[in-house]
Amino acid sequence: MSEAKLDVGSDFRKGDVIRFAEDHYEVLDNGGSSGTVKALDDGGVMLSGFRWRFYGEDCVMVRRATA
């Protein structure tokens, strides 16, 4: 497994939009291997402890936050 694979999500920043499966989320906080996100496809539900890798599937960057 590559080093990049081990650190999935470590570079996600507040405001980034990510995708997991078919759903999109805005990153609110990054705690390393997990963080807090707001669901963009499900009425803005906030989820804490959201893992950047779950059952072998990784979150994917969709759009970087603007500065």
Protein backbone atom coordinates (compact mmCIF):
# COMPACT_ATOMS: atom_id res chain seq x y z
CA MET A 1 0.00 0.00 0.00
CA SER A 2 1.39 3.38 -0.95
CA GLU A 3 2.13 6.13 1.57
CA ALA A 4 -0.57 8.32 -0.02
CA LYS A 5 -3.16 5.59 0.54
CA LEU A 6 -2.28 5.41 4.24
CA ASP A 7 -2.91 9.14 4.71
CA VAL A 8 -6.21 9.45 2.86
CA GLY A 9 -7.92 12.71 3.79
CA SER A 10 -5.01 14.14 5.74
CA ASP A 11 -4.90 17.10 3.35
CA PHE A 12 -8.66 17.84 3.43
CA ARG A 13 -9.26 21.41 4.61
CA LYS A 14 -12.27 23.28 5.94
CA GLY A 15 -14.57 24.08 3.02
CA ASP A 16 -13.32 21.32 0.72
CA VAL A 17 -16.03 19.30 -0.99
CA ILE A 18 -15.46 15.54 -0.96
CA ARG A 19 -17.35 12.54 -2.27
CA PHE A 20 -17.90 9.21 -0.57
CA ALA A 21 -19.83 6.64 -2.57
CA GLU A 22 -22.46 8.77 -4.37
CA ASP A 23 -22.79 11.43 -1.66
CA HIS A 24 -21.08 14.82 -1.38
CA TYR A 25 -19.90 16.48 1.84
CA GLU A 26 -18.32 19.75 2.90
CA VAL A 27 -15.40 19.33 5.30
CA LEU A 28 -15.90 21.37 8.49
CA ASP A 29 -12.98 19.98 10.51
CA ASN A 30 -10.17 17.49 9.87
CA GLY A 31 -8.95 15.43 12.81
CA GLY A 32 -6.52 13.25 10.86
CA SER A 33 -8.15 9.98 9.82
CA SER A 34 -11.66 11.39 10.34
CA GLY A 35 -13.44 14.68 10.78
CA THR A 36 -16.70 16.60 10.83
CA VAL A 37 -18.61 17.09 7.60
CA LYS A 38 -21.89 18.54 6.39
CA ALA A 39 -23.88 16.39 3.96
CA LEU A 40 -24.62 18.38 0.81
CA ASP A 41 -26.98 15.81 -0.71
CA ASP A 42 -29.05 15.18 2.41
CA GLY A 43 -30.36 18.46 3.77
CA GLY A 44 -27.15 19.64 5.43
CA VAL A 45 -26.96 16.99 8.15
CA MET A 46 -23.73 17.34 10.15
CA LEU A 47 -21.73 14.19 10.90
CA SER A 48 -18.84 14.02 13.35
CA GLY A 49 -16.32 11.17 13.39
CA PHE A 50 -16.74 10.81 9.62
CA ARG A 51 -13.95 8.53 8.42
CA TRP A 52 -12.06 9.39 5.24
CA ARG A 53 -11.72 5.65 4.54
CA PHE A 54 -14.54 3.24 5.34
CA TYR A 55 -14.64 -0.47 4.48
CA GLY A 56 -11.78 0.01 2.03
CA GLU A 57 -13.42 2.87 0.14
CA ASP A 58 -11.76 6.30 0.23
CA CYS A 59 -13.27 9.76 0.16
CA VAL A 60 -12.32 11.63 -3.00
CA MET A 61 -11.62 15.35 -3.37
CA VAL A 62 -14.21 17.04 -5.60
CA ARG A 63 -13.35 20.71 -5.09
CA ARG A 64 -10.81 22.58 -2.99
CA ALA A 65 -12.06 25.38 -0.76
CA THR A 66 -11.27 28.83 -2.05
CA ALA A 67 -8.96 30.93 0.08
